[in-house]
């Protein structure tokens, strides 16, 4: 039997996973490498593990929503990611969908009574 905490943690993780693409796309108007992107997201309240972020970045690049370039700083090569034209278009649609869904959920949750 699952506990409340186990169920909540699984559902919370599932909900967060569904928002990561939009969160990442909103922060890549300027080129960022993975670690710097993790820091930006963390500063804004969204913690993401590198084992989640890097595969997501590669997937978004494969889907042509991101572009990447390698740059060498010091002796260290870094892969920088930036949102593509397609990514901007998809991001705009996702933002509109997010706002619509947020409004609906606000109406549903707002109607909830706390006993």
Protein backbone atom coordinates (compact mmCIF):
# COMPACT_ATOMS: atom_id res chain seq x y z
CA UNK A 1 0.00 0.00 0.00
CA UNK A 2 1.32 3.41 -0.94
CA UNK A 3 1.49 6.18 1.58
CA UNK A 4 0.23 9.71 1.07
CA UNK A 5 3.83 10.93 0.91
CA UNK A 6 4.80 8.41 -1.80
CA UNK A 7 1.76 9.28 -3.91
CA UNK A 8 2.31 13.00 -3.48
CA UNK A 9 6.03 12.78 -4.35
CA UNK A 10 5.32 10.76 -7.50
CA UNK A 11 2.56 13.11 -8.65
CA UNK A 12 4.64 16.19 -7.83
CA UNK A 13 7.54 14.82 -9.87
CA UNK A 14 5.20 14.03 -12.78
CA UNK A 15 3.72 17.54 -12.69
CA UNK A 16 7.19 19.13 -12.57
CA UNK A 17 8.42 16.98 -15.45
CA UNK A 18 5.59 18.34 -17.59
CA UNK A 19 6.74 21.94 -17.10
CA UNK A 20 10.48 21.54 -17.64
CA UNK A 21 10.43 22.04 -21.43
CA UNK A 22 8.65 25.37 -21.08
CA UNK A 23 10.89 26.43 -18.20
CA UNK A 24 14.05 25.67 -20.20
CA UNK A 25 12.76 27.36 -23.37
CA UNK A 26 12.00 30.55 -21.44
CA UNK A 27 15.62 30.90 -20.34
CA UNK A 28 17.50 30.40 -23.59
CA UNK A 29 17.07 33.67 -25.48
CA UNK A 30 20.75 34.17 -24.66
CA UNK A 31 23.17 31.22 -25.09
CA UNK A 32 23.71 29.21 -21.91
CA UNK A 33 25.69 26.09 -21.14
CA UNK A 34 24.06 23.42 -19.03
CA UNK A 35 25.56 24.33 -15.67
CA UNK A 36 24.78 28.03 -16.08
CA UNK A 37 21.21 27.16 -17.07
CA UNK A 38 20.86 25.01 -13.94
CA UNK A 39 21.99 28.00 -11.88
CA UNK A 40 19.54 30.39 -13.54
CA UNK A 41 16.64 27.98 -13.03
CA UNK A 42 17.69 27.38 -9.43
CA UNK A 43 17.86 31.14 -8.72
CA UNK A 44 14.30 31.41 -9.98
CA UNK A 45 13.09 28.56 -7.78
CA UNK A 46 13.24 25.55 -10.10
CA UNK A 47 15.75 22.89 -9.16
CA UNK A 48 16.66 20.50 -11.96
CA UNK A 49 19.14 17.67 -11.78
CA UNK A 50 21.87 17.51 -14.42
CA UNK A 51 20.78 13.94 -15.24
CA UNK A 52 17.41 15.43 -16.23
CA UNK A 53 18.64 18.65 -17.86
CA UNK A 54 21.29 17.37 -20.25
CA UNK A 55 19.12 14.70 -21.91
CA UNK A 56 16.34 17.30 -22.18
CA UNK A 57 18.71 19.77 -23.90
CA UNK A 58 19.86 17.10 -26.35
CA UNK A 59 16.26 16.11 -27.09
CA UNK A 60 15.20 19.72 -27.68
CA UNK A 61 18.18 20.18 -29.99
CA UNK A 62 17.29 17.02 -31.91
CA UNK A 63 13.73 18.38 -32.26
CA UNK A 64 15.32 21.58 -33.66
CA UNK A 65 13.94 23.78 -30.88
CA UNK A 66 17.49 24.57 -29.72
CA UNK A 67 20.72 25.30 -31.50
CA UNK A 68 24.10 24.62 -29.95
CA UNK A 69 27.68 25.69 -30.46
CA UNK A 70 30.92 24.63 -28.82
CA UNK A 71 33.11 27.32 -27.34
CA UNK A 72 36.41 26.92 -25.53
CA UNK A 73 36.92 28.99 -22.39
CA UNK A 74 40.40 28.54 -21.02
CA UNK A 75 41.09 24.87 -21.66
CA UNK A 76 37.47 23.91 -21.21
CA UNK A 77 35.12 23.29 -24.13
CA UNK A 78 31.50 24.15 -23.36
CA UNK A 79 28.39 23.51 -25.36
CA UNK A 80 26.12 26.53 -25.42
CA UNK A 81 22.42 26.21 -26.19
CA UNK A 82 20.15 28.91 -27.59
CA UNK A 83 16.50 28.77 -28.59
CA UNK A 84 15.90 28.46 -32.34
CA UNK A 85 13.24 30.18 -34.43
CA UNK A 86 11.13 27.01 -34.24
CA UNK A 87 11.70 26.90 -30.48
CA UNK A 88 10.46 30.48 -30.10
CA UNK A 89 7.31 29.62 -32.03
CA UNK A 90 6.67 26.48 -29.97
CA UNK A 91 7.47 28.38 -26.76
CA UNK A 92 4.92 31.07 -27.61
CA UNK A 93 2.26 28.40 -28.18
CA UNK A 94 3.21 26.63 -24.95
CA UNK A 95 2.99 29.90 -23.02
CA UNK A 96 -0.50 30.54 -24.42
CA UNK A 97 -1.53 26.99 -23.51
CA UNK A 98 -0.01 27.38 -20.02
CA UNK A 99 -1.96 30.59 -19.43
CA UNK A 100 -5.19 28.97 -20.59
CA UNK A 101 -4.65 25.89 -18.45
CA UNK A 102 -3.63 28.02 -15.47
CA UNK A 103 -6.87 30.00 -15.80
CA UNK A 104 -8.97 26.83 -15.93
CA UNK A 105 -7.15 25.32 -12.95
CA UNK A 106 -7.50 28.61 -11.08
CA UNK A 107 -11.24 28.43 -11.62
CA UNK A 108 -11.35 24.81 -10.49
CA UNK A 109 -9.15 25.32 -7.46
CA UNK A 110 -10.78 28.63 -6.58
CA UNK A 111 -14.11 26.82 -6.32
CA UNK A 112 -12.66 24.37 -3.83
CA UNK A 113 -13.75 24.69 -0.21
CA UNK A 114 -11.29 24.06 2.57
CA UNK A 115 -12.93 22.06 5.33
